[in-house]
C-alpha atoms as a PDB file:
ATOM      1  CA  UNK A   1      28.033 -41.275 -61.626  1.00  0.00           C
ATOM      2  CA  UNK A   2      24.898 -39.856 -60.127  1.00  0.00           C
ATOM      3  CA  UNK A   3      23.710 -41.837 -57.154  1.00  0.00           C
ATOM      4  CA  UNK A   4      20.635 -41.468 -54.938  1.00  0.00           C
ATOM      5  CA  UNK A   5      21.759 -42.407 -51.480  1.00  0.00           C
ATOM      6  CA  UNK A   6      19.221 -43.034 -48.720  1.00  0.00           C
ATOM      7  CA  UNK A   7      20.616 -42.803 -45.222  1.00  0.00           C
ATOM      8  CA  UNK A   8      18.766 -43.484 -41.963  1.00  0.00           C
ATOM      9  CA  UNK A   9      20.720 -42.172 -38.996  1.00  0.00           C
ATOM     10  CA  UNK A  10      19.402 -42.816 -35.464  1.00  0.00           C
ATOM     11  CA  UNK A  11      22.115 -40.801 -33.805  1.00  0.00           C
ATOM     12  CA  UNK A  12      23.947 -37.521 -34.318  1.00  0.00           C
ATOM     13  CA  UNK A  13      27.356 -37.079 -35.787  1.00  0.00           C
ATOM     14  CA  UNK A  14      29.933 -35.603 -33.464  1.00  0.00           C
ATOM     15  CA  UNK A  15      29.440 -31.834 -32.917  1.00  0.00           C
ATOM     16  CA  UNK A  16      32.346 -29.481 -33.670  1.00  0.00           C
ATOM     17  CA  UNK A  17      32.693 -28.474 -29.980  1.00  0.00           C
ATOM     18  CA  UNK A  18      33.534 -30.388 -26.813  1.00  0.00           C
ATOM     19  CA  UNK A  19      30.631 -32.542 -25.510  1.00  0.00           C
ATOM     20  CA  UNK A  20      30.093 -35.933 -23.996  1.00  0.00           C
ATOM     21  CA  UNK A  21      29.756 -38.553 -26.695  1.00  0.00           C
ATOM     22  CA  UNK A  22      29.493 -42.334 -27.148  1.00  0.00           C
ATOM     23  CA  UNK A  23      31.134 -44.194 -30.062  1.00  0.00           C
ATOM     24  CA  UNK A  24      29.291 -47.003 -31.888  1.00  0.00           C
ATOM     25  CA  UNK A  25      30.632 -49.352 -34.576  1.00  0.00           C
ATOM     26  CA  UNK A  26      28.209 -49.751 -37.470  1.00  0.00           C
ATOM     27  CA  UNK A  27      27.686 -49.758 -41.206  1.00  0.00           C
ATOM     28  CA  UNK A  28      25.471 -48.127 -43.786  1.00  0.00           C
ATOM     29  CA  UNK A  29      24.498 -49.073 -47.373  1.00  0.00           C
ATOM     30  CA  UNK A  30      24.355 -46.814 -50.431  1.00  0.00           C
ATOM     31  CA  UNK A  31      22.080 -48.162 -53.156  1.00  0.00           C
ATOM     32  CA  UNK A  32      22.632 -46.630 -56.585  1.00  0.00           C
ATOM     33  CA  UNK A  33      21.098 -47.312 -59.980  1.00  0.00           C
ATOM     34  CA  UNK A  34      23.538 -50.108 -60.813  1.00  0.00           C
ATOM     35  CA  UNK A  35      25.259 -51.269 -57.648  1.00  0.00           C
ATOM     36  CA  UNK A  36      25.044 -51.556 -53.861  1.00  0.00           C
ATOM     37  CA  UNK A  37      28.019 -50.521 -51.759  1.00  0.00           C
ATOM     38  CA  UNK A  38      28.439 -51.370 -48.086  1.00  0.00           C
ATOM     39  CA  UNK A  39      31.029 -49.639 -45.872  1.00  0.00           C
ATOM     40  CA  UNK A  40      31.986 -49.930 -42.253  1.00  0.00           C
ATOM     41  CA  UNK A  41      32.286 -46.527 -40.424  1.00  0.00           C
ATOM     42  CA  UNK A  42      32.340 -45.100 -36.938  1.00  0.00           C
ATOM     43  CA  UNK A  43      29.081 -43.364 -35.949  1.00  0.00           C
ATOM     44  CA  UNK A  44      29.217 -40.860 -33.080  1.00  0.00           C
ATOM     45  CA  UNK A  45      26.009 -40.669 -30.981  1.00  0.00           C
ATOM     46  CA  UNK A  46      25.568 -37.681 -28.644  1.00  0.00           C
ATOM     47  CA  UNK A  47      24.115 -38.847 -25.356  1.00  0.00           C
ATOM     48  CA  UNK A  48      21.645 -36.578 -23.555  1.00  0.00           C
ATOM     49  CA  UNK A  49      18.032 -35.503 -23.752  1.00  0.00           C
ATOM     50  CA  UNK A  50      15.542 -34.995 -26.599  1.00  0.00           C
ATOM     51  CA  UNK A  51      15.233 -31.760 -28.537  1.00  0.00           C
ATOM     52  CA  UNK A  52      12.748 -30.248 -26.054  1.00  0.00           C
ATOM     53  CA  UNK A  53      15.781 -28.350 -24.794  1.00  0.00           C
ATOM     54  CA  UNK A  54      18.802 -28.425 -22.536  1.00  0.00           C
ATOM     55  CA  UNK A  55      19.051 -27.526 -18.900  1.00  0.00           C
ATOM     56  CA  UNK A  56      20.428 -24.011 -18.367  1.00  0.00           C
ATOM     57  CA  UNK A  57      24.075 -24.147 -17.381  1.00  0.00           C
ATOM     58  CA  UNK A  58      24.567 -27.839 -18.166  1.00  0.00           C
ATOM     59  CA  UNK A  59      26.751 -29.443 -20.814  1.00  0.00           C
ATOM     60  CA  UNK A  60      25.255 -28.883 -24.237  1.00  0.00           C
ATOM     61  CA  UNK A  61      23.727 -32.200 -25.384  1.00  0.00           C
ATOM     62  CA  UNK A  62      21.138 -33.717 -27.718  1.00  0.00           C
ATOM     63  CA  UNK A  63      19.228 -36.941 -27.959  1.00  0.00           C
ATOM     64  CA  UNK A  64      18.826 -39.194 -30.921  1.00  0.00           C
ATOM     65  CA  UNK A  65      17.381 -37.705 -34.120  1.00  0.00           C
ATOM     66  CA  UNK A  66      16.188 -39.601 -37.140  1.00  0.00           C
ATOM     67  CA  UNK A  67      17.354 -37.851 -40.276  1.00  0.00           C
ATOM     68  CA  UNK A  68      16.230 -39.033 -43.695  1.00  0.00           C
ATOM     69  CA  UNK A  69      18.013 -37.369 -46.583  1.00  0.00           C
ATOM     70  CA  UNK A  70      19.893 -38.023 -49.776  1.00  0.00           C
ATOM     71  CA  UNK A  71      23.500 -37.328 -50.521  1.00  0.00           C
ATOM     72  CA  UNK A  72      22.567 -34.511 -52.882  1.00  0.00           C
ATOM     73  CA  UNK A  73      20.605 -32.701 -50.099  1.00  0.00           C
ATOM     74  CA  UNK A  74      23.515 -32.368 -47.676  1.00  0.00           C
ATOM     75  CA  UNK A  75      24.606 -28.779 -47.273  1.00  0.00           C
ATOM     76  CA  UNK A  76      28.149 -27.602 -47.424  1.00  0.00           C
ATOM     77  CA  UNK A  77      27.888 -26.057 -43.915  1.00  0.00           C
ATOM     78  CA  UNK A  78      31.146 -26.220 -42.013  1.00  0.00           C
ATOM     79  CA  UNK A  79      30.141 -24.105 -38.996  1.00  0.00           C
ATOM     80  CA  UNK A  80      27.106 -22.418 -37.423  1.00  0.00           C
ATOM     81  CA  UNK A  81      27.393 -19.554 -34.931  1.00  0.00           C
ATOM     82  CA  UNK A  82      24.859 -17.375 -33.047  1.00  0.00           C
ATOM     83  CA  UNK A  83      25.475 -13.642 -33.016  1.00  0.00           C
ATOM     84  CA  UNK A  84      25.057 -13.540 -29.223  1.00  0.00           C
ATOM     85  CA  UNK A  85      25.762 -16.127 -26.551  1.00  0.00           C
ATOM     86  CA  UNK A  86      24.713 -14.213 -23.420  1.00  0.00           C
ATOM     87  CA  UNK A  87      21.504 -12.142 -23.466  1.00  0.00           C
ATOM     88  CA  UNK A  88      19.561 -10.439 -20.650  1.00  0.00           C
ATOM     89  CA  UNK A  89      16.003  -9.197 -21.195  1.00  0.00           C
ATOM     90  CA  UNK A  90      13.022  -8.047 -19.128  1.00  0.00           C
ATOM     91  CA  UNK A  91       9.806 -10.027 -18.870  1.00  0.00           C
ATOM     92  CA  UNK A  92       7.640  -9.092 -21.841  1.00  0.00           C
ATOM     93  CA  UNK A  93      10.557  -8.009 -24.019  1.00  0.00           C
ATOM     94  CA  UNK A  94      11.813  -9.848 -27.090  1.00  0.00           C
ATOM     95  CA  UNK A  95      15.106 -10.194 -28.893  1.00  0.00           C
ATOM     96  CA  UNK A  96      16.008 -11.441 -32.373  1.00  0.00           C
ATOM     97  CA  UNK A  97      18.910 -13.885 -32.530  1.00  0.00           C
ATOM     98  CA  UNK A  98      20.895 -14.107 -35.759  1.00  0.00           C
ATOM     99  CA  UNK A  99      22.752 -17.098 -37.228  1.00  0.00           C
ATOM    100  CA  UNK A 100      26.001 -16.942 -39.204  1.00  0.00           C
ATOM    101  CA  UNK A 101      27.063 -19.851 -41.413  1.00  0.00           C
ATOM    102  CA  UNK A 102      30.468 -20.808 -42.654  1.00  0.00           C
ATOM    103  CA  UNK A 103      30.764 -20.481 -45.546  1.00  0.00           C
ATOM    104  CA  UNK A 104      28.617 -17.372 -45.538  1.00  0.00           C
ATOM    105  CA  UNK A 105      26.363 -18.690 -48.308  1.00  0.00           C
ATOM    106  CA  UNK A 106      25.270 -22.304 -47.999  1.00  0.00           C
ATOM    107  CA  UNK A 107      22.993 -24.547 -50.026  1.00  0.00           C
ATOM    108  CA  UNK A 108      20.564 -25.240 -47.161  1.00  0.00           C
ATOM    109  CA  UNK A 109      20.364 -22.503 -44.476  1.00  0.00           C
ATOM    110  CA  UNK A 110      17.399 -24.122 -42.723  1.00  0.00           C
ATOM    111  CA  UNK A 111      17.722 -24.288 -38.910  1.00  0.00           C
ATOM    112  CA  UNK A 112      15.553 -25.402 -35.977  1.00  0.00           C
ATOM    113  CA  UNK A 113      15.123 -23.453 -32.721  1.00  0.00           C
ATOM    114  CA  UNK A 114      14.576 -24.801 -29.192  1.00  0.00           C
ATOM    115  CA  UNK A 115      14.102 -23.311 -25.667  1.00  0.00           C
ATOM    116  CA  UNK A 116      15.127 -25.227 -22.558  1.00  0.00           C
ATOM    117  CA  UNK A 117      12.256 -23.643 -20.560  1.00  0.00           C
ATOM    118  CA  UNK A 118       9.257 -22.212 -22.468  1.00  0.00           C
ATOM    119  CA  UNK A 119       7.936 -20.809 -19.174  1.00  0.00           C
ATOM    120  CA  UNK A 120      10.962 -18.515 -19.144  1.00  0.00           C
ATOM    121  CA  UNK A 121      11.300 -17.871 -22.885  1.00  0.00           C
ATOM    122  CA  UNK A 122       9.861 -19.067 -26.164  1.00  0.00           C
ATOM    123  CA  UNK A 123      11.607 -18.942 -29.534  1.00  0.00           C
ATOM    124  CA  UNK A 124      10.349 -19.014 -33.100  1.00  0.00           C
ATOM    125  CA  UNK A 125      12.456 -18.245 -36.173  1.00  0.00           C
ATOM    126  CA  UNK A 126      15.097 -16.785 -33.878  1.00  0.00           C
ATOM    127  CA  UNK A 127      12.656 -14.364 -32.181  1.00  0.00           C
ATOM    128  CA  UNK A 128      12.956 -14.935 -28.405  1.00  0.00           C
ATOM    129  CA  UNK A 129      10.104 -13.708 -26.202  1.00  0.00           C
ATOM    130  CA  UNK A 130      10.709 -13.412 -22.434  1.00  0.00           C
ATOM    131  CA  UNK A 131       7.798 -15.012 -20.558  1.00  0.00           C
ATOM    132  CA  UNK A 132       8.897 -15.269 -16.930  1.00  0.00           C
ATOM    133  CA  UNK A 133      11.760 -14.545 -14.584  1.00  0.00           C
ATOM    134  CA  UNK A 134      14.566 -17.139 -14.742  1.00  0.00           C
ATOM    135  CA  UNK A 135      17.221 -18.553 -17.049  1.00  0.00           C
ATOM    136  CA  UNK A 136      16.924 -20.624 -20.205  1.00  0.00           C
ATOM    137  CA  UNK A 137      19.127 -21.918 -22.999  1.00  0.00           C
ATOM    138  CA  UNK A 138      18.098 -21.143 -26.577  1.00  0.00           C
ATOM    139  CA  UNK A 139      19.500 -23.643 -29.084  1.00  0.00           C
ATOM    140  CA  UNK A 140      19.775 -23.472 -32.870  1.00  0.00           C
ATOM    141  CA  UNK A 141      20.502 -26.632 -34.942  1.00  0.00           C
ATOM    142  CA  UNK A 142      21.342 -26.884 -38.651  1.00  0.00           C
ATOM    143  CA  UNK A 143      19.030 -28.779 -41.007  1.00  0.00           C
ATOM    144  CA  UNK A 144      21.154 -31.910 -41.069  1.00  0.00           C
ATOM    145  CA  UNK A 145      21.505 -31.880 -37.288  1.00  0.00           C
ATOM    146  CA  UNK A 146      25.295 -31.760 -37.418  1.00  0.00           C
ATOM    147  CA  UNK A 147      26.001 -28.153 -36.383  1.00  0.00           C
ATOM    148  CA  UNK A 148      24.518 -26.225 -33.479  1.00  0.00           C
ATOM    149  CA  UNK A 149      25.057 -23.300 -31.129  1.00  0.00           C
ATOM    150  CA  UNK A 150      23.387 -21.971 -28.011  1.00  0.00           C
ATOM    151  CA  UNK A 151      22.637 -18.700 -26.198  1.00  0.00           C
ATOM    152  CA  UNK A 152      22.252 -18.380 -22.423  1.00  0.00           C
ATOM    153  CA  UNK A 153      19.217 -16.196 -21.741  1.00  0.00           C
ATOM    154  CA  UNK A 154      18.573 -14.408 -18.435  1.00  0.00           C
ATOM    155  CA  UNK A 155      15.072 -13.005 -17.932  1.00  0.00           C
ATOM    156  CA  UNK A 156      14.658 -10.383 -15.227  1.00  0.00           C
ATOM    157  CA  UNK A 157      11.601  -8.660 -13.810  1.00  0.00           C
ATOM    158  CA  UNK A 158      11.861  -5.185 -12.344  1.00  0.00           C
ATOM    159  CA  UNK A 159       9.856  -4.269  -9.270  1.00  0.00           C
ATOM    160  CA  UNK A 160       6.923  -2.009 -10.122  1.00  0.00           C
ATOM    161  CA  UNK A 161       7.554   1.645  -9.380  1.00  0.00           C
ATOM    162  CA  UNK A 162       5.098   2.770  -6.668  1.00  0.00           C
ATOM    163  CA  UNK A 163       2.797   5.635  -7.443  1.00  0.00           C
ATOM    164  CA  UNK A 164       4.067   8.836  -5.842  1.00  0.00           C
ATOM    165  CA  UNK A 165       2.020   9.940  -2.875  1.00  0.00           C
ATOM    166  CA  UNK A 166       0.153  13.211  -3.419  1.00  0.00           C
ATOM    167  CA  UNK A 167       1.467  16.268  -1.633  1.00  0.00           C
ATOM    168  CA  UNK A 168      -0.316  16.865   1.688  1.00  0.00           C
ATOM    169  CA  UNK A 169      -2.891  19.660   1.836  1.00  0.00           C
ATOM    170  CA  UNK A 170      -1.653  21.869   4.656  1.00  0.00           C
ATOM    171  CA  UNK A 171      -3.664  24.183   6.890  1.00  0.00           C
ATOM    172  CA  UNK A 172      -3.301  27.871   5.984  1.00  0.00           C
ATOM    173  CA  UNK A 173      -5.440  29.508   8.669  1.00  0.00           C
ATOM    174  CA  UNK A 174      -8.423  29.439  11.052  1.00  0.00           C
ATOM    175  CA  UNK A 175     -11.256  31.748  12.079  1.00  0.00           C
ATOM    176  CA  UNK A 176     -13.584  31.779  15.110  1.00  0.00           C
ATOM    177  CA  UNK A 177     -17.156  33.030  15.356  1.00  0.00           C
ATOM    178  CA  UNK A 178     -18.193  35.031  17.255  1.00  0.00           C
ATOM    179  CA  UNK A 179     -15.037  36.942  18.156  1.00  0.00           C
ATOM    180  CA  UNK A 180     -16.689  38.592  21.188  1.00  0.00           C
ATOM    181  CA  UNK A 181     -19.510  37.429  23.460  1.00  0.00           C
ATOM    182  CA  UNK A 182     -21.175  38.568  26.696  1.00  0.00           C
ATOM    183  CA  UNK A 183     -22.638  35.918  29.008  1.00  0.00           C
ATOM    184  CA  UNK A 184     -24.348  35.674  32.344  1.00  0.00           C
ATOM    185  CA  UNK A 185     -22.971  33.299  34.932  1.00  0.00           C
ATOM    186  CA  UNK A 186     -24.149  29.817  34.086  1.00  0.00           C
ATOM    187  CA  UNK A 187     -24.817  30.540  30.425  1.00  0.00           C
ATOM    188  CA  UNK A 188     -23.213  28.539  27.637  1.00  0.00           C
ATOM    189  CA  UNK A 189     -22.463  29.230  23.987  1.00  0.00           C
ATOM    190  CA  UNK A 190     -20.939  27.100  21.231  1.00  0.00           C
ATOM    191  CA  UNK A 191     -18.213  28.779  19.193  1.00  0.00           C
ATOM    192  CA  UNK A 192     -17.679  27.834  15.536  1.00  0.00           C
ATOM    193  CA  UNK A 193     -14.129  27.330  14.298  1.00  0.00           C
ATOM    194  CA  UNK A 194     -13.403  27.188  10.552  1.00  0.00           C
ATOM    195  CA  UNK A 195     -10.137  25.677   9.311  1.00  0.00           C
ATOM    196  CA  UNK A 196      -8.707  26.778   5.933  1.00  0.00           C
ATOM    197  CA  UNK A 197      -8.603  25.367   3.362  1.00  0.00           C
ATOM    198  CA  UNK A 198     -11.750  23.312   3.792  1.00  0.00           C
ATOM    199  CA  UNK A 199     -10.062  20.209   2.307  1.00  0.00           C
ATOM    200  CA  UNK A 200      -6.967  20.345   4.537  1.00  0.00           C
ATOM    201  CA  UNK A 201      -5.719  16.889   5.482  1.00  0.00           C
ATOM    202  CA  UNK A 202      -5.432  17.575   9.216  1.00  0.00           C
ATOM    203  CA  UNK A 203      -8.328  19.671  10.517  1.00  0.00           C
ATOM    204  CA  UNK A 204      -7.811  18.933  14.217  1.00  0.00           C
ATOM    205  CA  UNK A 205      -7.909  21.867  16.658  1.00  0.00           C
ATOM    206  CA  UNK A 206      -7.214  22.417  20.369  1.00  0.00           C
ATOM    207  CA  UNK A 207      -9.253  24.672  22.685  1.00  0.00           C
ATOM    208  CA  UNK A 208      -8.097  26.619  25.740  1.00  0.00           C
ATOM    209  CA  UNK A 209      -9.263  29.358  28.121  1.00  0.00           C
ATOM    210  CA  UNK A 210      -7.040  32.077  29.550  1.00  0.00           C
ATOM    211  CA  UNK A 211      -8.995  31.944  32.862  1.00  0.00           C
ATOM    212  CA  UNK A 212     -11.063  28.877  33.622  1.00  0.00           C
ATOM    213  CA  UNK A 213     -12.451  30.487  36.780  1.00  0.00           C
ATOM    214  CA  UNK A 214     -14.284  32.926  34.463  1.00  0.00           C
ATOM    215  CA  UNK A 215     -15.075  30.672  31.510  1.00  0.00           C
ATOM    216  CA  UNK A 216     -14.303  27.096  30.526  1.00  0.00           C
ATOM    217  CA  UNK A 217     -14.355  25.566  27.058  1.00  0.00           C
ATOM    218  CA  UNK A 218     -14.737  21.997  25.804  1.00  0.00           C
ATOM    219  CA  UNK A 219     -14.978  21.142  22.097  1.00  0.00           C
ATOM    220  CA  UNK A 220     -15.969  24.764  21.398  1.00  0.00           C
ATOM    221  CA  UNK A 221     -18.719  24.960  24.071  1.00  0.00           C
ATOM    222  CA  UNK A 222     -18.019  27.858  26.474  1.00  0.00           C
ATOM    223  CA  UNK A 223     -19.532  27.954  29.970  1.00  0.00           C
ATOM    224  CA  UNK A 224     -19.561  31.203  31.978  1.00  0.00           C
ATOM    225  CA  UNK A 225     -18.348  30.449  35.494  1.00  0.00           C
ATOM    226  CA  UNK A 226     -17.859  33.807  37.219  1.00  0.00           C
ATOM    227  CA  UNK A 227     -17.792  37.517  36.549  1.00  0.00           C
ATOM    228  CA  UNK A 228     -14.767  38.660  34.583  1.00  0.00           C
ATOM    229  CA  UNK A 229     -13.146  38.416  31.180  1.00  0.00           C
ATOM    230  CA  UNK A 230     -11.453  35.409  29.577  1.00  0.00           C
ATOM    231  CA  UNK A 231      -9.973  34.723  26.165  1.00  0.00           C
ATOM    232  CA  UNK A 232     -11.035  31.490  24.468  1.00  0.00           C
ATOM    233  CA  UNK A 233      -8.428  30.271  21.971  1.00  0.00           C
ATOM    234  CA  UNK A 234      -8.573  27.651  19.237  1.00  0.00           C
ATOM    235  CA  UNK A 235      -5.317  26.448  17.642  1.00  0.00           C
ATOM    236  CA  UNK A 236      -4.785  24.147  14.654  1.00  0.00           C
ATOM    237  CA  UNK A 237      -2.639  21.065  15.231  1.00  0.00           C
ATOM    238  CA  UNK A 238      -1.205  21.491  11.724  1.00  0.00           C
ATOM    239  CA  UNK A 239       0.677  24.758  11.489  1.00  0.00           C
ATOM    240  CA  UNK A 240      -0.321  26.179  14.887  1.00  0.00           C
ATOM    241  CA  UNK A 241      -2.698  28.797  13.456  1.00  0.00           C
ATOM    242  CA  UNK A 242      -4.741  30.527  16.166  1.00  0.00           C
ATOM    243  CA  UNK A 243      -8.039  32.419  16.534  1.00  0.00           C
ATOM    244  CA  UNK A 244      -9.600  33.889  19.690  1.00  0.00           C
ATOM    245  CA  UNK A 245     -12.907  34.967  21.202  1.00  0.00           C
ATOM    246  CA  UNK A 246     -13.189  37.402  24.110  1.00  0.00           C
ATOM    247  CA  UNK A 247     -15.758  36.252  26.674  1.00  0.00           C
ATOM    248  CA  UNK A 248     -17.154  38.760  29.177  1.00  0.00           C
ATOM    249  CA  UNK A 249     -19.146  37.322  32.072  1.00  0.00           C
ATOM    250  CA  UNK A 250     -21.448  39.786  33.878  1.00  0.00           C
ATOM    251  CA  UNK A 251     -21.563  39.905  37.662  1.00  0.00           C
ATOM    252  CA  UNK A 252     -24.364  37.861  39.232  1.00  0.00           C
ATOM    253  CA  UNK A 253     -25.502  37.864  42.887  1.00  0.00           C
ATOM    254  CA  UNK A 254     -24.558  34.845  44.938  1.00  0.00           C
ATOM    255  CA  UNK A 255     -27.990  34.675  46.525  1.00  0.00           C
ATOM    256  CA  UNK A 256     -31.580  35.219  45.642  1.00  0.00           C
ATOM    257  CA  UNK A 257     -33.900  36.670  48.270  1.00  0.00           C
ATOM    258  CA  UNK A 258     -37.659  36.527  48.501  1.00  0.00           C
ATOM    259  CA  UNK A 259     -38.365  33.936  45.823  1.00  0.00           C
ATOM    260  CA  UNK A 260     -41.909  32.879  45.037  1.00  0.00           C
ATOM    261  CA  UNK A 261     -44.389  31.520  47.621  1.00  0.00           C
ATOM    262  CA  UNK A 262     -42.662  33.477  50.388  1.00  0.00           C
ATOM    263  CA  UNK A 263     -39.566  31.244  50.323  1.00  0.00           C
ATOM    264  CA  UNK A 264     -36.061  32.684  50.723  1.00  0.00           C
ATOM    265  CA  UNK A 265     -32.788  31.182  49.414  1.00  0.00           C
ATOM    266  CA  UNK A 266     -29.304  32.578  49.929  1.00  0.00           C
ATOM    267  CA  UNK A 267     -25.731  31.298  49.651  1.00  0.00           C
ATOM    268  CA  UNK A 268     -23.313  32.827  52.109  1.00  0.00           C
ATOM    269  CA  UNK A 269     -19.791  31.499  51.950  1.00  0.00           C
ATOM    270  CA  UNK A 270     -19.994  27.709  51.978  1.00  0.00           C
ATOM    271  CA  UNK A 271     -23.527  27.470  53.372  1.00  0.00           C
ATOM    272  CA  UNK A 272     -26.875  27.461  51.662  1.00  0.00           C
ATOM    273  CA  UNK A 273     -29.623  29.080  53.767  1.00  0.00           C
ATOM    274  CA  UNK A 274     -33.235  28.172  53.100  1.00  0.00           C
ATOM    275  CA  UNK A 275     -36.359  29.730  54.601  1.00  0.00           C
ATOM    276  CA  UNK A 276     -39.396  27.708  53.548  1.00  0.00           C
ATOM    277  CA  UNK A 277     -43.073  28.208  54.212  1.00  0.00           C
ATOM    278  CA  UNK A 278     -43.769  24.483  54.371  1.00  0.00           C
ATOM    279  CA  UNK A 279     -41.878  21.197  54.470  1.00  0.00           C
ATOM    280  CA  UNK A 280     -40.608  20.027  51.075  1.00  0.00           C
ATOM    281  CA  UNK A 281     -37.849  18.166  49.242  1.00  0.00           C
ATOM    282  CA  UNK A 282     -35.035  20.377  47.881  1.00  0.00           C
ATOM    283  CA  UNK A 283     -32.744  19.227  45.062  1.00  0.00           C
ATOM    284  CA  UNK A 284     -29.294  20.696  44.397  1.00  0.00           C
ATOM    285  CA  UNK A 285     -27.949  20.276  40.841  1.00  0.00           C
ATOM    286  CA  UNK A 286     -24.716  21.437  39.201  1.00  0.00           C
ATOM    287  CA  UNK A 287     -24.551  23.442  35.980  1.00  0.00           C
ATOM    288  CA  UNK A 288     -24.368  20.238  33.938  1.00  0.00           C
ATOM    289  CA  UNK A 289     -27.680  18.998  35.391  1.00  0.00           C
ATOM    290  CA  UNK A 290     -26.114  16.338  37.621  1.00  0.00           C
ATOM    291  CA  UNK A 291     -27.886  15.773  40.956  1.00  0.00           C
ATOM    292  CA  UNK A 292     -25.571  16.723  43.817  1.00  0.00           C
ATOM    293  CA  UNK A 293     -27.878  16.321  46.795  1.00  0.00           C
ATOM    294  CA  UNK A 294     -31.494  15.680  47.783  1.00  0.00           C
ATOM    295  CA  UNK A 295     -32.555  17.264  51.112  1.00  0.00           C
ATOM    296  CA  UNK A 296     -35.778  16.819  53.110  1.00  0.00           C
ATOM    297  CA  UNK A 297     -36.342  20.279  54.629  1.00  0.00           C
ATOM    298  CA  UNK A 298     -38.843  21.285  57.298  1.00  0.00           C
ATOM    299  CA  UNK A 299     -40.742  24.545  57.294  1.00  0.00           C
ATOM    300  CA  UNK A 300     -38.800  27.486  58.645  1.00  0.00           C
ATOM    301  CA  UNK A 301     -35.055  27.957  58.357  1.00  0.00           C
ATOM    302  CA  UNK A 302     -32.645  25.264  57.189  1.00  0.00           C
ATOM    303  CA  UNK A 303     -28.911  25.410  56.555  1.00  0.00           C
ATOM    304  CA  UNK A 304     -27.099  23.125  54.094  1.00  0.00           C
ATOM    305  CA  UNK A 305     -23.286  22.870  54.006  1.00  0.00           C
ATOM    306  CA  UNK A 306     -21.670  23.208  50.550  1.00  0.00           C
ATOM    307  CA  UNK A 307     -18.082  23.100  51.809  1.00  0.00           C
ATOM    308  CA  UNK A 308     -17.270  20.005  49.709  1.00  0.00           C
ATOM    309  CA  UNK A 309     -18.798  21.470  46.554  1.00  0.00           C
ATOM    310  CA  UNK A 310     -16.296  22.892  44.057  1.00  0.00           C
ATOM    311  CA  UNK A 311     -16.696  26.492  42.967  1.00  0.00           C
ATOM    312  CA  UNK A 312     -19.260  26.897  40.251  1.00  0.00           C
ATOM    313  CA  UNK A 313     -22.907  27.364  39.422  1.00  0.00           C
ATOM    314  CA  UNK A 314     -25.653  25.359  41.152  1.00  0.00           C
ATOM    315  CA  UNK A 315     -29.393  25.205  40.930  1.00  0.00           C
ATOM    316  CA  UNK A 316     -31.673  24.799  43.943  1.00  0.00           C
ATOM    317  CA  UNK A 317     -34.940  23.221  42.903  1.00  0.00           C
ATOM    318  CA  UNK A 318     -38.013  23.415  45.112  1.00  0.00           C
ATOM    319  CA  UNK A 319     -41.594  22.439  44.448  1.00  0.00           C
ATOM    320  CA  UNK A 320     -42.491  25.388  42.242  1.00  0.00           C
ATOM    321  CA  UNK A 321     -39.270  27.258  41.510  1.00  0.00           C
ATOM    322  CA  UNK A 322     -35.621  26.865  40.659  1.00  0.00           C
ATOM    323  CA  UNK A 323     -33.021  29.240  42.083  1.00  0.00           C
ATOM    324  CA  UNK A 324     -29.524  29.714  40.694  1.00  0.00           C
ATOM    325  CA  UNK A 325     -26.684  30.252  43.145  1.00  0.00           C
ATOM    326  CA  UNK A 326     -22.954  30.657  42.584  1.00  0.00           C
ATOM    327  CA  UNK A 327     -20.285  29.309  44.866  1.00  0.00           C
ATOM    328  CA  UNK A 328     -17.053  31.223  44.492  1.00  0.00           C
END
């Protein structure tokens, strides 16, 4: 006899695997075309949370589901199994989960999919998409809500690979212009150093003089100190490449006699001798232009001690002339 049976179930039947359950006594009615039958049965309700998902690592559990069906719509499913139960994927990757029924061909193969944490992974029609680092449980449930299985999903996120640093551009050489120069005592000249290649990462150089009593150098500026020959060197910090310039300083008298206006100036040893035609103020400056002394001199002969002055070039400035003297 063909019967249409309407069943309203507010709880799940016991699942085919071990879970926490609660047993209720109850009854249901089957209303056919000609008769109404009432039976007393045991209904098994699975305690837990709604179908939004299960907590990763916890006991598999479901909440109450209302299922409305007829007897003729029940499938003949006896088991439902996922192809994989442990899956690891990277953020942004996806994986397709497959379901196997027992028997292999069933009347109603419809299933529902759920993720315990959509922030970690989402699932639709078995396609799992990794959204964020973490763990989640993906659950599949048969159409009648009786059979289910789950897959533990681990989502990882690899550290980004840093961009490789470009190879350094090393120095390959250096040149110096001019390579030879002749100066008078007290003269200066700026040498030009060129580092190769022009786009080298470290273009620093160091300057030195083979004889600072003849010529000194600072940042490429050479000052002639005394008669003689000195070699000015420039060396790259990267690679130690070197270029040189030969500096020749011509001899220069240490005194000047019979300067203008009948005045006489001479430097003998450590003493400056002045013979002036009238009283005046005399200034002594070093080669860098720094004032070393200011002297009020009378007419006639005056002597100024330069014992505390270091060796070098000095300028004696009077009212109308400037005289260069060299202390050795």
